[in-house]
Amino acid sequence: MMLHTWDIAQIVAIAAVCTTVVTALCAGGVRWNARGSITSQIWLMAIASPLSVVAAVTVIAVQMYVSQHDFQVLLWVLGVSSVMSVAAATVVGRTARLSMVALRDSARRVGDGDVVGADGTGWKEFAEVSQQLADTSRRLASARREIEELDASRRQFFAWISHDLRTPLTGVRAMAEVLEEGVAADPGDYIRRIREQVDSMSRLVDDLFELSRLTESGLRLRCEPLELVDIVSDAVADVRVAAAERGMRIIHDGVHGITVWADPHEFTRVVVNLLTNSIKYAPRGSEILISARTDELTGNTVVSVADQGPGVADADLPSIFEVGWRADVARTPSSRDSSLSGSSSSAGLGLAIVRGIVQAHGGEVRAENVSGGFRLDVVLPGERRSGSR
């Protein structure tokens, strides 16, 4: 029996009306249940489809005047299908709810500072979110460790700075009191020692300002081609008095004929700080060697300052250029002459400034224990590849 166009139109209209009404009711239920569980939301949306089918088929069946027996069979089939659909929706909703609960717990643990693992057993989208939470927890944990280390370093650094300022201030005050009371055997010597202590504190303040400039606002370089031998000569002249007081000799090898692209003032400061470090910690009467070479493969210039000092433990080498770093035993101010302990290097600033300046030039610094001593290397890029700022 063929259906006429009018019959088909009626069936379509009835199905559309029933589906619209049921969908609108379910949508209203979802909106009313906006704060409900995800299981109830999925259940309400899932029930819309079988209910709309049941409603449309029931109305159409009544219109077709089917027999009572066939109508009951149809209702049983629709009822069982609807119940199974709702059961399936309930299972899916509970599965989704379990995944959401797991994500919620993971998010809470991340907020508490824990590192969580990824749960890849759920749906793809939930697994991706879980993986992101796991990655985020690891990054946050790493950031927290770094902040804790920086905070500990900052506290230690300020403690050392306070000590390095308090020590000369105490000496200056004591000597000033002796001069004020007029009991100094040699007032000129006291005045000279006060001036030395003031110079030491002035150098420390200058280094603090330089370090602040390197870390906060950056370093503006005025680079130009420089003859390395001129830089070395100026640096040696700056530290000659300190080296002579300790009976030390500074020699150089391979610095002639090498040109570097650098800021003359800043790079001279680099060499001076390296020499000061060696003078401070190398034995009295020893030699300090300044050498240089050009890497044929990269074109980089390597400037080295080697001394005959005790060196640094291998485990501490990566930390030697950090602000405020001090070795435990070998290269510490207390193990050398007190006359040098007032310099800014004792505060752990000298090599930190070296690293900042060299990095501003686009280079790098290295420290290495060598046979019979200790060596610091400065690697500068080839001409016009550094100091672009």
Protein backbone atom coordinates (compact mmCIF):
# COMPACT_ATOMS: atom_id res chain seq x y z
CA MET A 1 0.00 0.00 0.00
CA MET A 2 1.53 3.26 -1.13
CA LEU A 3 1.48 6.32 1.14
CA HIS A 4 0.08 9.46 -0.39
CA THR A 5 1.92 12.74 -0.23
CA TRP A 6 -0.61 14.08 2.24
CA ASP A 7 -0.02 11.10 4.57
CA ILE A 8 3.75 11.57 4.44
CA ALA A 9 3.34 15.27 5.20
CA GLN A 10 1.18 14.43 8.22
CA ILE A 11 3.74 11.92 9.53
CA VAL A 12 6.57 14.41 9.12
CA ALA A 13 4.59 17.17 10.81
CA ILE A 14 3.60 14.95 13.75
CA ALA A 15 7.22 13.75 14.21
CA ALA A 16 8.52 17.31 14.03
CA VAL A 17 5.98 18.64 16.54
CA CYS A 18 6.53 15.79 19.01
CA THR A 19 10.32 16.08 18.74
CA THR A 20 10.19 19.86 19.21
CA VAL A 21 7.96 19.64 22.27
CA VAL A 22 10.01 16.89 23.94
CA THR A 23 13.32 18.60 23.13
CA ALA A 24 12.05 21.90 24.51
CA LEU A 25 10.94 20.21 27.72
CA CYS A 26 14.30 18.45 28.13
CA ALA A 27 16.20 21.67 27.35
CA GLY A 28 14.13 23.43 30.00
CA GLY A 29 14.96 20.64 32.42
CA VAL A 30 18.68 20.99 31.64
CA ARG A 31 18.51 24.73 32.24
CA TRP A 32 16.57 24.27 35.48
CA ASN A 33 19.15 21.67 36.54
CA ALA A 34 22.13 23.86 35.58
CA ARG A 35 23.83 23.25 38.92
CA GLY A 36 23.13 19.53 38.91
CA SER A 37 25.61 16.75 38.37
CA ILE A 38 26.99 15.91 34.95
CA THR A 39 25.19 12.53 35.18
CA SER A 40 21.80 14.20 35.47
CA GLN A 41 22.59 16.57 32.62
CA ILE A 42 23.61 13.76 30.29
CA TRP A 43 20.54 11.76 31.40
CA LEU A 44 18.19 14.63 30.54
CA MET A 45 19.75 15.14 27.11
CA ALA A 46 19.85 11.40 26.38
CA ILE A 47 16.19 10.89 27.29
CA ALA A 48 15.08 13.49 24.75
CA SER A 49 15.72 11.23 21.77
CA PRO A 50 13.79 8.10 22.88
CA LEU A 51 10.94 10.20 24.33
CA SER A 52 10.50 12.11 21.08
CA VAL A 53 10.45 8.81 19.17
CA VAL A 54 7.93 7.30 21.60
CA ALA A 55 5.68 10.35 21.41
CA ALA A 56 5.80 10.60 17.62
CA VAL A 57 5.27 6.87 17.03
CA THR A 58 2.42 6.71 19.58
CA VAL A 59 0.55 9.62 17.99
CA ILE A 60 1.09 8.25 14.48
CA ALA A 61 -0.01 4.75 15.58
CA VAL A 62 -3.24 6.15 17.05
CA GLN A 63 -3.88 8.05 13.85
CA MET A 64 -3.38 4.85 11.82
CA TYR A 65 -5.94 2.96 13.92
CA VAL A 66 -3.68 -0.05 14.46
CA SER A 67 -5.07 -3.02 16.36
CA GLN A 68 -4.95 -3.13 20.15
CA HIS A 69 -2.52 -6.05 20.04
CA ASP A 70 -0.12 -4.34 17.62
CA PHE A 71 -0.34 -1.12 19.59
CA GLN A 72 0.65 -2.90 22.85
CA VAL A 73 3.57 -4.63 21.13
CA LEU A 74 4.71 -1.30 19.76
CA LEU A 75 4.52 0.32 23.17
CA TRP A 76 6.51 -2.51 24.78
CA VAL A 77 9.22 -2.21 22.13
CA LEU A 78 9.42 1.55 22.54
CA GLY A 79 9.41 1.27 26.33
CA VAL A 80 12.23 -1.29 26.46
CA SER A 81 14.30 0.73 24.00
CA SER A 82 13.73 3.90 25.98
CA VAL A 83 14.71 2.24 29.26
CA MET A 84 17.88 0.83 27.71
CA SER A 85 18.77 4.23 26.26
CA VAL A 86 18.28 5.89 29.63
CA ALA A 87 20.39 3.19 31.33
CA ALA A 88 23.17 3.68 28.79
CA ALA A 89 23.02 7.45 29.34
CA THR A 90 23.23 6.90 33.10
CA VAL A 91 26.33 4.71 32.73
CA VAL A 92 27.97 7.26 30.43
CA GLY A 93 27.11 10.08 32.84
CA ARG A 94 28.59 8.23 35.81
CA THR A 95 31.75 7.48 33.84
CA ALA A 96 32.07 11.16 32.95
CA ARG A 97 31.39 12.11 36.57
CA LEU A 98 34.17 9.82 37.82
CA SER A 99 36.58 11.41 35.35
CA MET A 100 35.51 14.88 36.46
CA VAL A 101 35.95 13.95 40.12
CA ALA A 102 39.45 12.67 39.35
CA LEU A 103 40.28 15.92 37.55
CA ARG A 104 38.87 17.94 40.44
CA ASP A 105 41.01 16.03 42.94
CA SER A 106 44.08 16.48 40.74
CA ALA A 107 43.44 20.22 40.46
CA ARG A 108 43.10 20.46 44.26
CA ARG A 109 46.36 18.60 44.76
CA VAL A 110 48.09 20.87 42.25
CA GLY A 111 46.81 23.84 44.25
CA ASP A 112 48.26 22.24 47.40
CA GLY A 113 51.65 21.97 45.72
CA ASP A 114 51.66 18.26 44.89
CA VAL A 115 52.92 16.73 41.67
CA VAL A 116 50.17 14.64 40.07
CA GLY A 117 50.34 11.94 37.46
CA ALA A 118 48.36 11.77 34.23
CA ASP A 119 45.30 9.52 34.07
CA GLY A 120 45.06 8.11 30.56
CA THR A 121 42.23 5.65 31.22
CA GLY A 122 39.32 8.04 30.61
CA TRP A 123 37.94 9.65 27.48
CA LYS A 124 40.36 11.39 25.16
CA GLU A 125 39.40 14.91 26.20
CA PHE A 126 39.58 14.09 29.91
CA ALA A 127 42.92 12.32 29.38
CA GLU A 128 44.29 15.41 27.63
CA VAL A 129 43.19 17.66 30.50
CA SER A 130 44.72 15.23 32.99
CA GLN A 131 47.99 15.27 31.07
CA GLN A 132 47.98 19.07 31.07
CA LEU A 133 47.40 19.09 34.83
CA ALA A 134 50.29 16.68 35.33
CA ASP A 135 52.60 18.83 33.19
CA THR A 136 51.46 21.98 34.98
CA SER A 137 52.05 20.42 38.39
CA ARG A 138 55.61 19.50 37.41
CA ARG A 139 56.30 23.00 36.10
CA LEU A 140 54.83 24.59 39.22
CA ALA A 141 56.88 22.32 41.47
CA SER A 142 60.02 23.22 39.54
CA ALA A 143 59.17 26.93 39.78
CA ARG A 144 58.55 26.62 43.53
CA ARG A 145 61.91 24.91 44.02
CA GLU A 146 63.62 27.62 42.00
CA ILE A 147 61.90 30.36 44.01
CA GLU A 148 62.88 28.68 47.28
CA GLU A 149 66.48 28.39 46.12
CA LEU A 150 66.52 32.02 44.99
CA ASP A 151 65.00 33.12 48.27
CA ALA A 152 67.56 31.16 50.26
CA SER A 153 70.33 32.58 48.07
CA ARG A 154 68.94 36.09 48.55
CA ARG A 155 68.87 35.74 52.35
CA GLN A 156 72.39 34.34 52.37
CA PHE A 157 73.58 37.06 50.01
CA PHE A 158 72.21 39.86 52.19
CA ALA A 159 73.74 38.22 55.25
CA TRP A 160 77.15 38.19 53.54
CA ILE A 161 76.75 41.76 52.31
CA SER A 162 75.82 42.88 55.80
CA HIS A 163 78.89 41.13 57.18
CA ASP A 164 81.20 42.55 54.52
CA LEU A 165 79.93 46.06 55.24
CA ARG A 166 79.81 45.71 59.02
CA THR A 167 83.39 44.47 59.31
CA PRO A 168 85.11 47.52 57.77
CA LEU A 169 82.60 49.88 59.40
CA THR A 170 83.47 48.44 62.80
CA GLY A 171 87.17 48.90 62.07
CA VAL A 172 86.67 52.46 60.85
CA ARG A 173 84.68 53.34 63.96
CA ALA A 174 87.29 51.81 66.29
CA MET A 175 90.15 53.63 64.58
CA ALA A 176 88.18 56.90 64.52
CA GLU A 177 87.59 56.60 68.29
CA VAL A 178 91.32 56.04 68.86
CA LEU A 179 92.11 59.15 66.80
CA GLU A 180 89.41 61.14 68.60
CA GLU A 181 90.84 60.20 72.00
CA GLY A 182 94.32 61.17 70.83
CA VAL A 183 95.98 57.94 71.91
CA ALA A 184 97.06 56.72 68.45
CA ALA A 185 100.80 56.06 68.30
CA ASP A 186 100.86 56.78 64.55
CA PRO A 187 97.82 58.85 63.47
CA GLY A 188 98.93 58.81 59.84
CA ASP A 189 98.81 55.01 59.77
CA TYR A 190 95.31 55.05 61.23
CA ILE A 191 94.16 57.54 58.62
CA ARG A 192 95.66 55.42 55.85
CA ARG A 193 93.90 52.29 57.12
CA ILE A 194 90.59 54.17 57.40
CA ARG A 195 90.97 55.31 53.81
CA GLU A 196 91.63 51.70 52.73
CA GLN A 197 88.50 50.50 54.49
CA VAL A 198 86.44 53.29 52.91
CA ASP A 199 87.84 52.40 49.49
CA SER A 200 86.92 48.77 50.09
CA MET A 201 83.33 49.68 50.97
CA SER A 202 83.16 52.03 47.99
CA ARG A 203 84.20 49.18 45.68
CA LEU A 204 81.56 46.95 47.22
CA VAL A 205 78.85 49.59 46.70
CA ASP A 206 80.03 50.12 43.11
CA ASP A 207 79.80 46.38 42.45
CA LEU A 208 76.31 46.25 43.94
CA PHE A 209 75.26 49.06 41.62
CA GLU A 210 76.89 47.32 38.64
CA LEU A 211 75.15 44.06 39.45
CA SER A 212 71.82 45.84 39.77
CA ARG A 213 72.38 47.47 36.39
CA LEU A 214 73.17 44.10 34.82
CA THR A 215 70.13 42.31 36.23
CA GLU A 216 67.49 45.03 36.08
CA SER A 217 67.95 47.43 33.19
CA GLY A 218 70.45 45.52 31.11
CA LEU A 219 73.85 46.66 29.94
CA ARG A 220 74.26 49.06 27.05
CA LEU A 221 77.52 48.28 25.31
CA ARG A 222 79.60 50.44 23.04
CA CYS A 223 81.56 47.78 21.24
CA GLU A 224 84.52 48.36 18.97
CA PRO A 225 87.52 46.37 17.73
CA LEU A 226 90.00 46.10 20.60
CA GLU A 227 93.55 44.85 20.72
CA LEU A 228 93.48 42.27 23.47
CA VAL A 229 97.01 43.10 24.58
CA ASP A 230 95.88 46.66 25.39
CA ILE A 231 93.00 45.40 27.51
CA VAL A 232 95.30 43.00 29.35
CA SER A 233 97.89 45.73 29.95
CA ASP A 234 95.29 48.08 31.43
CA ALA A 235 93.87 45.33 33.65
CA VAL A 236 97.30 44.29 34.90
CA ALA A 237 98.08 47.92 35.73
CA ASP A 238 94.89 48.12 37.82
CA VAL A 239 95.81 45.11 39.97
CA ARG A 240 99.59 45.56 40.04
CA VAL A 241 99.66 46.92 43.60
CA ALA A 242 97.53 44.10 44.99
CA ALA A 243 99.67 41.50 43.18
CA ALA A 244 102.89 43.09 44.45
CA GLU A 245 101.64 43.01 48.05
CA ARG A 246 101.32 39.23 47.74
CA GLY A 247 104.55 38.81 45.79
CA MET A 248 102.68 37.48 42.76
CA ARG A 249 103.69 37.82 39.12
CA ILE A 250 101.25 38.18 36.21
CA ILE A 251 102.40 36.91 32.84
CA HIS A 252 100.60 36.55 29.52
CA ASP A 253 100.85 34.33 26.50
CA GLY A 254 99.20 34.52 23.08
CA VAL A 255 97.41 37.85 23.63
CA HIS A 256 99.37 39.74 20.96
CA GLY A 257 97.72 40.01 17.56
CA ILE A 258 94.25 39.07 18.79
CA THR A 259 91.39 41.50 18.27
CA VAL A 260 88.09 41.24 20.13
CA TRP A 261 84.80 43.03 19.47
CA ALA A 262 83.85 44.38 22.90
CA ASP A 263 83.14 47.39 25.06
CA PRO A 264 86.57 48.58 26.25
CA HIS A 265 85.47 49.70 29.72
CA GLU A 266 83.30 46.65 30.47
CA PHE A 267 85.70 44.07 29.10
CA THR A 268 88.59 45.61 31.03
CA ARG A 269 86.44 45.18 34.13
CA VAL A 270 85.99 41.50 33.23
CA VAL A 271 89.76 40.92 33.08
CA VAL A 272 90.33 42.94 36.25
CA ASN A 273 87.76 40.86 38.17
CA LEU A 274 89.31 37.63 36.94
CA LEU A 275 92.79 38.76 37.98
CA THR A 276 91.48 39.98 41.34
CA ASN A 277 89.93 36.58 41.94
CA SER A 278 93.24 34.84 41.24
CA ILE A 279 95.26 37.30 43.35
CA LYS A 280 92.87 36.73 46.21
CA TYR A 281 93.00 32.95 46.31
CA ALA A 282 96.28 31.85 44.73
CA PRO A 283 99.31 31.24 46.99
CA ARG A 284 101.73 34.06 47.76
CA GLY A 285 104.64 34.28 45.37
CA SER A 286 102.85 32.30 42.65
CA GLU A 287 102.21 33.20 39.02
CA ILE A 288 99.03 34.11 37.20
CA LEU A 289 98.88 33.37 33.49
CA ILE A 290 96.66 35.27 31.05
CA SER A 291 96.38 33.46 27.73
CA ALA A 292 94.22 33.74 24.64
CA ARG A 293 93.46 31.77 21.53
CA THR A 294 91.05 31.81 18.61
CA ASP A 295 88.90 28.76 18.00
CA GLU A 296 89.41 27.88 14.35
CA LEU A 297 86.06 26.11 14.06
CA THR A 298 83.80 28.78 15.58
CA GLY A 299 85.92 31.90 15.27
CA ASN A 300 85.38 32.60 18.98
CA THR A 301 88.08 34.13 21.12
CA VAL A 302 88.89 32.34 24.38
CA VAL A 303 90.59 34.44 27.08
CA SER A 304 91.86 32.42 30.06
CA VAL A 305 93.18 33.39 33.49
CA ALA A 306 94.94 30.52 35.26
CA ASP A 307 96.39 30.54 38.75
CA GLN A 308 98.09 28.05 41.05
CA GLY A 309 95.38 28.20 43.68
CA PRO A 310 93.53 25.28 45.30
CA GLY A 311 90.60 25.41 42.89
CA VAL A 312 86.98 24.56 43.58
CA ALA A 313 85.20 21.26 44.16
CA ASP A 314 83.89 19.89 40.87
CA ALA A 315 80.35 19.85 42.25
CA ASP A 316 80.59 23.61 42.92
CA LEU A 317 81.89 24.63 39.49
CA PRO A 318 78.41 25.31 38.03
CA SER A 319 77.68 27.69 40.95
CA ILE A 320 80.87 29.73 40.98
CA PHE A 321 79.40 32.56 38.88
CA GLU A 322 76.21 32.89 40.92
CA VAL A 323 75.58 35.98 43.02
CA GLY A 324 76.78 35.55 46.58
CA TRP A 325 78.41 32.17 46.00
CA ARG A 326 81.31 31.19 48.23
CA ALA A 327 83.21 27.96 48.35
CA ASP A 328 83.22 26.01 51.59
CA VAL A 329 86.93 25.80 52.20
CA ALA A 330 89.44 26.34 49.44
CA ARG A 331 88.63 29.65 47.76
CA THR A 332 87.08 31.56 50.63
CA PRO A 333 88.10 34.94 52.02
CA SER A 334 88.82 33.53 55.45
CA SER A 335 91.48 31.22 54.06
CA ARG A 336 93.54 34.08 52.63
CA ASP A 337 94.98 37.39 53.74
CA SER A 338 92.70 39.59 55.71
CA SER A 339 93.99 42.55 53.74
CA LEU A 340 92.03 41.33 50.76
CA SER A 341 88.91 40.23 52.54
CA GLY A 342 87.34 43.64 52.31
CA SER A 343 87.15 43.61 48.53
CA SER A 344 83.86 43.17 46.81
CA SER A 345 84.85 39.76 45.61
CA SER A 346 84.41 38.46 49.12
CA ALA A 347 80.73 39.22 48.80
CA GLY A 348 80.51 36.90 45.82
CA LEU A 349 79.94 39.69 43.30
CA GLY A 350 83.09 39.75 41.19
CA LEU A 351 82.49 36.62 39.12
CA ALA A 352 78.74 37.26 38.95
CA ILE A 353 79.53 40.62 37.33
CA VAL A 354 81.94 38.88 34.96
CA ARG A 355 79.20 36.51 33.82
CA GLY A 356 76.69 39.33 33.35
CA ILE A 357 79.06 41.42 31.23
CA VAL A 358 80.23 38.48 29.13
CA GLN A 359 76.67 37.31 28.50
CA ALA A 360 75.77 40.86 27.45
CA HIS A 361 78.53 40.50 24.82
CA GLY A 362 76.92 37.26 23.64
CA GLY A 363 79.63 35.08 25.18
CA GLU A 364 79.96 32.62 28.02
CA VAL A 365 82.19 31.94 31.02
CA ARG A 366 83.62 28.66 32.28
CA ALA A 367 85.53 27.46 35.31
CA GLU A 368 87.78 24.44 35.40
CA ASN A 369 90.18 22.74 37.77
CA VAL A 370 93.43 22.10 35.92
CA SER A 371 96.65 20.35 36.77
CA GLY A 372 98.39 22.45 39.41
CA GLY A 373 95.72 25.12 39.71
CA PHE A 374 92.48 26.70 38.59
CA ARG A 375 91.39 28.37 35.34
CA LEU A 376 88.62 30.73 34.32
CA ASP A 377 87.72 31.04 30.62
CA VAL A 378 85.87 33.83 28.86
CA VAL A 379 84.53 32.95 25.41
CA LEU A 380 83.65 35.88 23.15
CA PRO A 381 81.97 35.57 19.74
CA GLY A 382 83.78 36.71 16.63
CA GLU A 383 83.86 40.35 15.54
CA ARG A 384 80.47 42.13 15.22
CA ARG A 385 78.61 39.07 16.46
CA SER A 386 78.61 40.35 20.03
CA GLY A 387 77.55 43.47 21.86
CA SER A 388 74.74 44.29 19.46
CA ARG A 389 72.86 46.36 22.03
